[in-house]
């Protein structure tokens, strides 16, 4: 029933293969139409596919064809400091992996992250980003947008605290095909992306918006056109209320759907159908 445009199997690093097999089986039984395993490093495609294959092998044989049809893959480079510095070589590796695989549905995630918080997993801080690094991060993003255009693939864009620079790179490249994932900006910013043809994807984070900002969030959720809205997990992060604080899984995306459907004043099944259709269009699915 529920689509999931951001289905990370990085959860395999934290869960047993049997746990992941159980999650996949439950998704199939819930008629999940679409799930995507997202890349973040230039050379992580093969390990991710192998991890998914191990999990799929753990479900009942009669369900395996459904799992293989449901799960799709992207490949991209998240803007960590090391990747930014080594961007030329890593984009070459990324292109080689994508062209050598032939089964990629999207490029990403890639983009800009100006949430320079040294307590985060990547240890980024403002001192890492002098003017050269700042420009290099935008260059890494631009290189991947151009690669996506050459490969005719939609792009999964990561943009955190970086609206102006993200929009600048997108406008400069002129390739408007993909998702602004885990959307964290306001209605005005959404309008700019929508005018260029981008999809807006909401994660579980919308369910725990601060009370003082909830009216703005409701207005934003109501504003996104039916043909441009997506919902996602971003597992194992951003678990929605009422499971906030737990490692996220694609099974929890139903809470995000219910929250958004209620704000838009529609049945949750209608939102599911809308998102499924948008996935079909964006990712050119049959």
C-alpha atoms as a PDB file:
ATOM      1  CA  UNK A   1       0.000   0.000   0.000  1.00  0.00           C
ATOM      2  CA  UNK A   2       2.720   2.455   0.947  1.00  0.00           C
ATOM      3  CA  UNK A   3       5.441   3.628  -1.399  1.00  0.00           C
ATOM      4  CA  UNK A   4       8.819   4.551   0.006  1.00  0.00           C
ATOM      5  CA  UNK A   5      11.068   6.737  -2.074  1.00  0.00           C
ATOM      6  CA  UNK A   6      13.931   6.524   0.357  1.00  0.00           C
ATOM      7  CA  UNK A   7      14.369   2.993   1.598  1.00  0.00           C
ATOM      8  CA  UNK A   8      17.820   2.714   3.115  1.00  0.00           C
ATOM      9  CA  UNK A   9      19.225  -0.734   3.683  1.00  0.00           C
ATOM     10  CA  UNK A  10      21.920   0.836   5.792  1.00  0.00           C
ATOM     11  CA  UNK A  11      19.697  -0.626   8.491  1.00  0.00           C
ATOM     12  CA  UNK A  12      21.408  -3.926   7.669  1.00  0.00           C
ATOM     13  CA  UNK A  13      24.462  -2.598   9.445  1.00  0.00           C
ATOM     14  CA  UNK A  14      22.397  -2.338  12.633  1.00  0.00           C
ATOM     15  CA  UNK A  15      20.016  -5.278  12.264  1.00  0.00           C
ATOM     16  CA  UNK A  16      20.383  -8.964  11.548  1.00  0.00           C
ATOM     17  CA  UNK A  17      19.696 -10.246   8.076  1.00  0.00           C
ATOM     18  CA  UNK A  18      16.660 -12.109   9.428  1.00  0.00           C
ATOM     19  CA  UNK A  19      15.261  -8.842  10.804  1.00  0.00           C
ATOM     20  CA  UNK A  20      15.636  -7.215   7.403  1.00  0.00           C
ATOM     21  CA  UNK A  21      14.101 -10.240   5.702  1.00  0.00           C
ATOM     22  CA  UNK A  22      11.118  -9.874   8.005  1.00  0.00           C
ATOM     23  CA  UNK A  23      10.789  -6.178   7.153  1.00  0.00           C
ATOM     24  CA  UNK A  24      10.814  -6.940   3.425  1.00  0.00           C
ATOM     25  CA  UNK A  25       8.232  -9.680   3.849  1.00  0.00           C
ATOM     26  CA  UNK A  26       5.940  -7.378   5.825  1.00  0.00           C
ATOM     27  CA  UNK A  27       6.276  -4.713   3.148  1.00  0.00           C
ATOM     28  CA  UNK A  28       5.241  -7.196   0.486  1.00  0.00           C
ATOM     29  CA  UNK A  29       2.261  -8.341   2.565  1.00  0.00           C
ATOM     30  CA  UNK A  30       1.225  -4.705   2.939  1.00  0.00           C
ATOM     31  CA  UNK A  31       1.343  -4.353  -0.861  1.00  0.00           C
ATOM     32  CA  UNK A  32       4.206  -1.866  -0.843  1.00  0.00           C
ATOM     33  CA  UNK A  33       4.562  -0.748  -4.435  1.00  0.00           C
ATOM     34  CA  UNK A  34       7.995   0.832  -4.486  1.00  0.00           C
ATOM     35  CA  UNK A  35      11.106   0.876  -2.310  1.00  0.00           C
ATOM     36  CA  UNK A  36      14.482   2.351  -3.103  1.00  0.00           C
ATOM     37  CA  UNK A  37      17.880   1.623  -1.604  1.00  0.00           C
ATOM     38  CA  UNK A  38      19.792   4.894  -1.762  1.00  0.00           C
ATOM     39  CA  UNK A  39      23.502   5.333  -2.412  1.00  0.00           C
ATOM     40  CA  UNK A  40      25.697   7.773  -0.519  1.00  0.00           C
ATOM     41  CA  UNK A  41      29.230   6.744  -1.592  1.00  0.00           C
ATOM     42  CA  UNK A  42      30.790   6.363  -5.020  1.00  0.00           C
ATOM     43  CA  UNK A  43      31.525   2.650  -4.561  1.00  0.00           C
ATOM     44  CA  UNK A  44      28.750   1.384  -2.276  1.00  0.00           C
ATOM     45  CA  UNK A  45      26.430  -0.016  -4.949  1.00  0.00           C
ATOM     46  CA  UNK A  46      27.695  -3.606  -5.005  1.00  0.00           C
ATOM     47  CA  UNK A  47      27.836  -4.032  -1.189  1.00  0.00           C
ATOM     48  CA  UNK A  48      24.327  -2.617  -0.887  1.00  0.00           C
ATOM     49  CA  UNK A  49      22.949  -4.923  -3.563  1.00  0.00           C
ATOM     50  CA  UNK A  50      24.646  -7.894  -1.907  1.00  0.00           C
ATOM     51  CA  UNK A  51      23.144  -6.932   1.459  1.00  0.00           C
ATOM     52  CA  UNK A  52      19.685  -6.666  -0.064  1.00  0.00           C
ATOM     53  CA  UNK A  53      20.151  -9.993  -1.865  1.00  0.00           C
ATOM     54  CA  UNK A  54      21.025 -11.687   1.431  1.00  0.00           C
ATOM     55  CA  UNK A  55      17.922 -10.249   3.038  1.00  0.00           C
ATOM     56  CA  UNK A  56      15.705 -11.255   0.119  1.00  0.00           C
ATOM     57  CA  UNK A  57      17.114 -14.791   0.218  1.00  0.00           C
ATOM     58  CA  UNK A  58      15.782 -15.055   3.766  1.00  0.00           C
ATOM     59  CA  UNK A  59      12.133 -14.680   2.802  1.00  0.00           C
ATOM     60  CA  UNK A  60       9.862 -17.411   1.482  1.00  0.00           C
ATOM     61  CA  UNK A  61      10.608 -18.342  -2.156  1.00  0.00           C
ATOM     62  CA  UNK A  62       7.145 -17.414  -3.366  1.00  0.00           C
ATOM     63  CA  UNK A  63       7.675 -13.832  -2.182  1.00  0.00           C
ATOM     64  CA  UNK A  64      11.118 -13.313  -3.705  1.00  0.00           C
ATOM     65  CA  UNK A  65       9.889 -12.224  -7.161  1.00  0.00           C
ATOM     66  CA  UNK A  66       7.729  -9.560  -5.512  1.00  0.00           C
ATOM     67  CA  UNK A  67      10.714  -8.303  -3.495  1.00  0.00           C
ATOM     68  CA  UNK A  68      12.920  -8.120  -6.565  1.00  0.00           C
ATOM     69  CA  UNK A  69      10.214  -6.167  -8.403  1.00  0.00           C
ATOM     70  CA  UNK A  70       9.625  -3.803  -5.460  1.00  0.00           C
ATOM     71  CA  UNK A  71      13.205  -2.841  -4.566  1.00  0.00           C
ATOM     72  CA  UNK A  72      15.093  -0.388  -6.753  1.00  0.00           C
ATOM     73  CA  UNK A  73      18.514   1.248  -6.432  1.00  0.00           C
ATOM     74  CA  UNK A  74      20.156   4.609  -6.767  1.00  0.00           C
ATOM     75  CA  UNK A  75      23.825   5.534  -6.650  1.00  0.00           C
ATOM     76  CA  UNK A  76      25.314   8.849  -5.621  1.00  0.00           C
ATOM     77  CA  UNK A  77      27.838  10.701  -3.487  1.00  0.00           C
ATOM     78  CA  UNK A  78      26.750  12.445  -0.301  1.00  0.00           C
ATOM     79  CA  UNK A  79      28.850  15.603   0.288  1.00  0.00           C
ATOM     80  CA  UNK A  80      31.146  14.424   3.069  1.00  0.00           C
ATOM     81  CA  UNK A  81      34.444  16.258   3.416  1.00  0.00           C
ATOM     82  CA  UNK A  82      36.606  13.460   1.992  1.00  0.00           C
ATOM     83  CA  UNK A  83      34.381  13.031  -1.055  1.00  0.00           C
ATOM     84  CA  UNK A  84      34.383  16.763  -1.721  1.00  0.00           C
ATOM     85  CA  UNK A  85      38.190  16.860  -1.706  1.00  0.00           C
ATOM     86  CA  UNK A  86      38.418  13.767  -3.923  1.00  0.00           C
ATOM     87  CA  UNK A  87      35.449  14.696  -6.120  1.00  0.00           C
ATOM     88  CA  UNK A  88      36.977  14.203  -9.578  1.00  0.00           C
ATOM     89  CA  UNK A  89      38.087  10.641  -8.950  1.00  0.00           C
ATOM     90  CA  UNK A  90      34.967   9.695  -7.042  1.00  0.00           C
ATOM     91  CA  UNK A  91      32.559  10.949  -9.676  1.00  0.00           C
ATOM     92  CA  UNK A  92      34.508   8.919 -12.239  1.00  0.00           C
ATOM     93  CA  UNK A  93      34.093   5.832 -10.041  1.00  0.00           C
ATOM     94  CA  UNK A  94      30.399   6.579  -9.620  1.00  0.00           C
ATOM     95  CA  UNK A  95      29.868   6.856 -13.355  1.00  0.00           C
ATOM     96  CA  UNK A  96      31.748   3.620 -13.954  1.00  0.00           C
ATOM     97  CA  UNK A  97      29.607   1.799 -11.386  1.00  0.00           C
ATOM     98  CA  UNK A  98      26.347   3.138 -12.791  1.00  0.00           C
ATOM     99  CA  UNK A  99      27.217   2.366 -16.403  1.00  0.00           C
ATOM    100  CA  UNK A 100      28.508  -1.069 -15.439  1.00  0.00           C
ATOM    101  CA  UNK A 101      25.393  -2.011 -13.494  1.00  0.00           C
ATOM    102  CA  UNK A 102      22.530  -1.087 -15.786  1.00  0.00           C
ATOM    103  CA  UNK A 103      19.824  -1.375 -13.128  1.00  0.00           C
ATOM    104  CA  UNK A 104      19.999   2.046 -11.502  1.00  0.00           C
ATOM    105  CA  UNK A 105      16.688   3.893 -11.192  1.00  0.00           C
ATOM    106  CA  UNK A 106      18.036   7.242  -9.967  1.00  0.00           C
ATOM    107  CA  UNK A 107      21.217   9.130  -9.158  1.00  0.00           C
ATOM    108  CA  UNK A 108      21.762  10.201  -5.575  1.00  0.00           C
ATOM    109  CA  UNK A 109      21.609  11.105  -2.974  1.00  0.00           C
ATOM    110  CA  UNK A 110      23.744  14.133  -3.689  1.00  0.00           C
ATOM    111  CA  UNK A 111      23.579  17.805  -2.911  1.00  0.00           C
ATOM    112  CA  UNK A 112      24.630  20.296  -0.261  1.00  0.00           C
ATOM    113  CA  UNK A 113      24.710  20.136   3.517  1.00  0.00           C
ATOM    114  CA  UNK A 114      25.488  23.313   5.444  1.00  0.00           C
ATOM    115  CA  UNK A 115      24.432  21.926   8.795  1.00  0.00           C
ATOM    116  CA  UNK A 116      27.996  21.942  10.028  1.00  0.00           C
ATOM    117  CA  UNK A 117      27.574  20.114  13.301  1.00  0.00           C
ATOM    118  CA  UNK A 118      30.703  18.391  14.642  1.00  0.00           C
ATOM    119  CA  UNK A 119      28.543  16.163  16.844  1.00  0.00           C
ATOM    120  CA  UNK A 120      27.109  14.508  13.731  1.00  0.00           C
ATOM    121  CA  UNK A 121      28.325  11.209  12.308  1.00  0.00           C
ATOM    122  CA  UNK A 122      30.413  12.860   9.614  1.00  0.00           C
ATOM    123  CA  UNK A 123      32.062  15.292  12.048  1.00  0.00           C
ATOM    124  CA  UNK A 124      31.588  18.281   9.742  1.00  0.00           C
ATOM    125  CA  UNK A 125      32.205  21.721  11.189  1.00  0.00           C
ATOM    126  CA  UNK A 126      32.468  25.246   9.826  1.00  0.00           C
ATOM    127  CA  UNK A 127      36.271  25.147  10.009  1.00  0.00           C
ATOM    128  CA  UNK A 128      36.261  22.413   7.350  1.00  0.00           C
ATOM    129  CA  UNK A 129      34.663  24.777   4.875  1.00  0.00           C
ATOM    130  CA  UNK A 130      36.817  27.627   3.722  1.00  0.00           C
ATOM    131  CA  UNK A 131      35.935  29.302   0.441  1.00  0.00           C
ATOM    132  CA  UNK A 132      37.654  26.611  -1.623  1.00  0.00           C
ATOM    133  CA  UNK A 133      35.793  23.786   0.103  1.00  0.00           C
ATOM    134  CA  UNK A 134      32.539  25.691  -0.078  1.00  0.00           C
ATOM    135  CA  UNK A 135      32.880  26.033  -3.847  1.00  0.00           C
ATOM    136  CA  UNK A 136      34.119  22.450  -4.188  1.00  0.00           C
ATOM    137  CA  UNK A 137      31.003  21.115  -2.489  1.00  0.00           C
ATOM    138  CA  UNK A 138      28.865  22.911  -5.049  1.00  0.00           C
ATOM    139  CA  UNK A 139      31.079  21.570  -7.809  1.00  0.00           C
ATOM    140  CA  UNK A 140      30.592  17.983  -6.593  1.00  0.00           C
ATOM    141  CA  UNK A 141      26.836  18.514  -6.712  1.00  0.00           C
ATOM    142  CA  UNK A 142      26.984  20.106 -10.150  1.00  0.00           C
ATOM    143  CA  UNK A 143      29.094  17.241 -11.511  1.00  0.00           C
ATOM    144  CA  UNK A 144      26.478  14.728 -10.384  1.00  0.00           C
ATOM    145  CA  UNK A 145      23.617  16.725 -11.841  1.00  0.00           C
ATOM    146  CA  UNK A 146      25.433  16.766 -15.171  1.00  0.00           C
ATOM    147  CA  UNK A 147      26.086  13.031 -14.924  1.00  0.00           C
ATOM    148  CA  UNK A 148      22.408  12.413 -14.228  1.00  0.00           C
ATOM    149  CA  UNK A 149      21.481  14.487 -17.262  1.00  0.00           C
ATOM    150  CA  UNK A 150      23.878  12.499 -19.450  1.00  0.00           C
ATOM    151  CA  UNK A 151      22.445   9.237 -18.122  1.00  0.00           C
ATOM    152  CA  UNK A 152      18.847  10.519 -18.247  1.00  0.00           C
ATOM    153  CA  UNK A 153      18.269   9.654 -14.589  1.00  0.00           C
ATOM    154  CA  UNK A 154      16.204  11.494 -11.981  1.00  0.00           C
ATOM    155  CA  UNK A 155      18.182  12.914  -9.062  1.00  0.00           C
ATOM    156  CA  UNK A 156      17.625  12.531  -5.313  1.00  0.00           C
ATOM    157  CA  UNK A 157      18.780  15.835  -3.833  1.00  0.00           C
ATOM    158  CA  UNK A 158      19.966  16.273  -0.262  1.00  0.00           C
ATOM    159  CA  UNK A 159      19.698  19.921   0.797  1.00  0.00           C
ATOM    160  CA  UNK A 160      20.074  20.960   4.409  1.00  0.00           C
ATOM    161  CA  UNK A 161      20.429  24.581   5.482  1.00  0.00           C
ATOM    162  CA  UNK A 162      21.519  25.289   1.921  1.00  0.00           C
ATOM    163  CA  UNK A 163      18.513  26.400  -0.090  1.00  0.00           C
ATOM    164  CA  UNK A 164      20.116  29.332  -1.926  1.00  0.00           C
ATOM    165  CA  UNK A 165      23.210  27.394  -2.986  1.00  0.00           C
ATOM    166  CA  UNK A 166      21.186  24.303  -3.902  1.00  0.00           C
ATOM    167  CA  UNK A 167      18.871  26.341  -6.086  1.00  0.00           C
ATOM    168  CA  UNK A 168      21.816  28.174  -7.626  1.00  0.00           C
ATOM    169  CA  UNK A 169      23.532  24.944  -8.699  1.00  0.00           C
ATOM    170  CA  UNK A 170      20.305  23.453 -10.037  1.00  0.00           C
ATOM    171  CA  UNK A 171      19.541  26.622 -11.999  1.00  0.00           C
ATOM    172  CA  UNK A 172      23.101  26.791 -13.335  1.00  0.00           C
ATOM    173  CA  UNK A 173      23.004  23.180 -14.498  1.00  0.00           C
ATOM    174  CA  UNK A 174      19.503  23.457 -15.910  1.00  0.00           C
ATOM    175  CA  UNK A 175      18.615  19.862 -15.117  1.00  0.00           C
ATOM    176  CA  UNK A 176      15.262  19.721 -13.352  1.00  0.00           C
ATOM    177  CA  UNK A 177      14.389  16.085 -12.864  1.00  0.00           C
ATOM    178  CA  UNK A 178      14.071  14.560  -9.432  1.00  0.00           C
ATOM    179  CA  UNK A 179      13.279  14.885  -5.746  1.00  0.00           C
ATOM    180  CA  UNK A 180      14.134  17.372  -3.038  1.00  0.00           C
ATOM    181  CA  UNK A 181      14.192  14.693  -0.383  1.00  0.00           C
ATOM    182  CA  UNK A 182      13.444  15.127   3.338  1.00  0.00           C
ATOM    183  CA  UNK A 183      12.190  18.596   2.492  1.00  0.00           C
ATOM    184  CA  UNK A 184      13.119  20.947   5.321  1.00  0.00           C
ATOM    185  CA  UNK A 185      12.337  24.400   3.932  1.00  0.00           C
ATOM    186  CA  UNK A 186       9.212  26.528   3.769  1.00  0.00           C
ATOM    187  CA  UNK A 187       6.433  27.208   1.320  1.00  0.00           C
ATOM    188  CA  UNK A 188       8.318  29.920  -0.559  1.00  0.00           C
ATOM    189  CA  UNK A 189      11.301  27.635  -1.160  1.00  0.00           C
ATOM    190  CA  UNK A 190       8.972  24.806  -2.218  1.00  0.00           C
ATOM    191  CA  UNK A 191       7.391  27.130  -4.745  1.00  0.00           C
ATOM    192  CA  UNK A 192      10.775  27.807  -6.362  1.00  0.00           C
ATOM    193  CA  UNK A 193      11.531  24.077  -6.702  1.00  0.00           C
ATOM    194  CA  UNK A 194       8.034  23.257  -7.938  1.00  0.00           C
ATOM    195  CA  UNK A 195       8.213  25.951 -10.620  1.00  0.00           C
ATOM    196  CA  UNK A 196      11.221  24.120 -12.053  1.00  0.00           C
ATOM    197  CA  UNK A 197       9.444  20.749 -11.985  1.00  0.00           C
ATOM    198  CA  UNK A 198      10.929  19.117  -8.877  1.00  0.00           C
ATOM    199  CA  UNK A 199       9.087  16.701  -6.603  1.00  0.00           C
ATOM    200  CA  UNK A 200       8.859  17.458  -2.882  1.00  0.00           C
ATOM    201  CA  UNK A 201       9.271  14.529  -0.497  1.00  0.00           C
ATOM    202  CA  UNK A 202       8.293  14.544   3.163  1.00  0.00           C
ATOM    203  CA  UNK A 203       9.818  12.288   5.799  1.00  0.00           C
ATOM    204  CA  UNK A 204       8.830  11.408   9.354  1.00  0.00           C
ATOM    205  CA  UNK A 205      10.338  14.669  10.555  1.00  0.00           C
ATOM    206  CA  UNK A 206       7.122  16.506   9.614  1.00  0.00           C
ATOM    207  CA  UNK A 207       5.289  14.628  12.373  1.00  0.00           C
ATOM    208  CA  UNK A 208       7.348  16.253  15.112  1.00  0.00           C
ATOM    209  CA  UNK A 209       7.448  19.812  13.825  1.00  0.00           C
ATOM    210  CA  UNK A 210       7.704  22.339  16.651  1.00  0.00           C
ATOM    211  CA  UNK A 211       4.314  23.569  17.839  1.00  0.00           C
ATOM    212  CA  UNK A 212       5.215  27.157  16.933  1.00  0.00           C
ATOM    213  CA  UNK A 213       5.880  26.123  13.331  1.00  0.00           C
ATOM    214  CA  UNK A 214       3.052  23.623  12.856  1.00  0.00           C
ATOM    215  CA  UNK A 215       0.708  26.070  11.113  1.00  0.00           C
ATOM    216  CA  UNK A 216       3.420  26.779   8.535  1.00  0.00           C
ATOM    217  CA  UNK A 217       4.002  23.055   8.085  1.00  0.00           C
ATOM    218  CA  UNK A 218       0.307  22.429   7.511  1.00  0.00           C
ATOM    219  CA  UNK A 219       0.206  25.199   4.915  1.00  0.00           C
ATOM    220  CA  UNK A 220       3.240  23.716   3.164  1.00  0.00           C
ATOM    221  CA  UNK A 221       1.812  20.181   3.118  1.00  0.00           C
ATOM    222  CA  UNK A 222      -1.496  21.443   1.717  1.00  0.00           C
ATOM    223  CA  UNK A 223       0.308  23.542  -0.905  1.00  0.00           C
ATOM    224  CA  UNK A 224       2.226  20.763  -2.679  1.00  0.00           C
ATOM    225  CA  UNK A 225       0.303  19.699  -5.819  1.00  0.00           C
ATOM    226  CA  UNK A 226      -0.929  16.128  -6.062  1.00  0.00           C
ATOM    227  CA  UNK A 227       1.400  15.411  -8.965  1.00  0.00           C
ATOM    228  CA  UNK A 228       4.516  16.546  -7.066  1.00  0.00           C
ATOM    229  CA  UNK A 229       4.204  15.042  -3.586  1.00  0.00           C
ATOM    230  CA  UNK A 230       6.142  12.042  -2.232  1.00  0.00           C
ATOM    231  CA  UNK A 231       6.568  10.452   1.198  1.00  0.00           C
ATOM    232  CA  UNK A 232       9.676   8.685   2.459  1.00  0.00           C
ATOM    233  CA  UNK A 233      11.389   6.902   5.299  1.00  0.00           C
ATOM    234  CA  UNK A 234      15.061   7.909   5.298  1.00  0.00           C
ATOM    235  CA  UNK A 235      15.686   4.796   7.402  1.00  0.00           C
ATOM    236  CA  UNK A 236      17.296   4.272   9.798  1.00  0.00           C
ATOM    237  CA  UNK A 237      16.796   7.964  10.662  1.00  0.00           C
ATOM    238  CA  UNK A 238      13.870  10.330  11.260  1.00  0.00           C
ATOM    239  CA  UNK A 239      11.390   7.848  12.707  1.00  0.00           C
ATOM    240  CA  UNK A 240       7.963   9.509  12.841  1.00  0.00           C
ATOM    241  CA  UNK A 241       5.725  10.011  15.836  1.00  0.00           C
ATOM    242  CA  UNK A 242       4.617   7.742  17.574  1.00  0.00           C
ATOM    243  CA  UNK A 243       7.840   5.723  17.124  1.00  0.00           C
ATOM    244  CA  UNK A 244      10.240   8.663  17.273  1.00  0.00           C
ATOM    245  CA  UNK A 245      13.565   7.704  18.845  1.00  0.00           C
ATOM    246  CA  UNK A 246      13.529   4.173  17.456  1.00  0.00           C
ATOM    247  CA  UNK A 247      15.670   3.096  14.485  1.00  0.00           C
ATOM    248  CA  UNK A 248      13.457   3.883  11.525  1.00  0.00           C
ATOM    249  CA  UNK A 249      12.284   1.213   9.071  1.00  0.00           C
ATOM    250  CA  UNK A 250      10.106   1.390   5.951  1.00  0.00           C
ATOM    251  CA  UNK A 251       7.290  -0.131   7.998  1.00  0.00           C
ATOM    252  CA  UNK A 252       6.993   3.137   9.917  1.00  0.00           C
ATOM    253  CA  UNK A 253       6.265   5.226   6.816  1.00  0.00           C
ATOM    254  CA  UNK A 254       2.551   4.576   7.342  1.00  0.00           C
ATOM    255  CA  UNK A 255       2.597   7.100  10.201  1.00  0.00           C
ATOM    256  CA  UNK A 256       3.959   9.769   7.871  1.00  0.00           C
ATOM    257  CA  UNK A 257       1.281   8.974   5.290  1.00  0.00           C
ATOM    258  CA  UNK A 258      -1.485   9.189   7.878  1.00  0.00           C
ATOM    259  CA  UNK A 259      -0.172  12.494   9.221  1.00  0.00           C
ATOM    260  CA  UNK A 260       0.040  14.073   5.767  1.00  0.00           C
ATOM    261  CA  UNK A 261      -3.289  12.656   4.554  1.00  0.00           C
ATOM    262  CA  UNK A 262      -5.040  14.075   7.613  1.00  0.00           C
ATOM    263  CA  UNK A 263      -3.606  17.552   6.963  1.00  0.00           C
ATOM    264  CA  UNK A 264      -4.577  17.381   3.271  1.00  0.00           C
ATOM    265  CA  UNK A 265      -8.065  16.215   4.276  1.00  0.00           C
ATOM    266  CA  UNK A 266      -8.032  13.041   2.200  1.00  0.00           C
ATOM    267  CA  UNK A 267      -8.180   9.296   2.928  1.00  0.00           C
ATOM    268  CA  UNK A 268      -4.757   7.755   3.448  1.00  0.00           C
ATOM    269  CA  UNK A 269      -5.452   5.317   0.604  1.00  0.00           C
ATOM    270  CA  UNK A 270      -5.882   8.242  -1.779  1.00  0.00           C
ATOM    271  CA  UNK A 271      -2.506   9.655  -0.766  1.00  0.00           C
ATOM    272  CA  UNK A 272      -0.936   6.218  -1.283  1.00  0.00           C
ATOM    273  CA  UNK A 273      -2.353   6.029  -4.795  1.00  0.00           C
ATOM    274  CA  UNK A 274      -1.124   9.558  -5.538  1.00  0.00           C
ATOM    275  CA  UNK A 275       2.418   8.804  -4.390  1.00  0.00           C
ATOM    276  CA  UNK A 276       2.459   5.491  -6.256  1.00  0.00           C
ATOM    277  CA  UNK A 277       1.471   7.262  -9.465  1.00  0.00           C
ATOM    278  CA  UNK A 278       4.132   9.914  -8.919  1.00  0.00           C
ATOM    279  CA  UNK A 279       6.744   7.188  -8.459  1.00  0.00           C
ATOM    280  CA  UNK A 280       5.635   5.576 -11.698  1.00  0.00           C
ATOM    281  CA  UNK A 281       6.016   8.849 -13.546  1.00  0.00           C
ATOM    282  CA  UNK A 282       9.273  10.044 -11.987  1.00  0.00           C
ATOM    283  CA  UNK A 283      11.109   6.719 -12.112  1.00  0.00           C
ATOM    284  CA  UNK A 284       9.501   5.564 -15.391  1.00  0.00           C
ATOM    285  CA  UNK A 285       8.058   2.401 -13.870  1.00  0.00           C
ATOM    286  CA  UNK A 286       5.624   0.112 -15.606  1.00  0.00           C
END
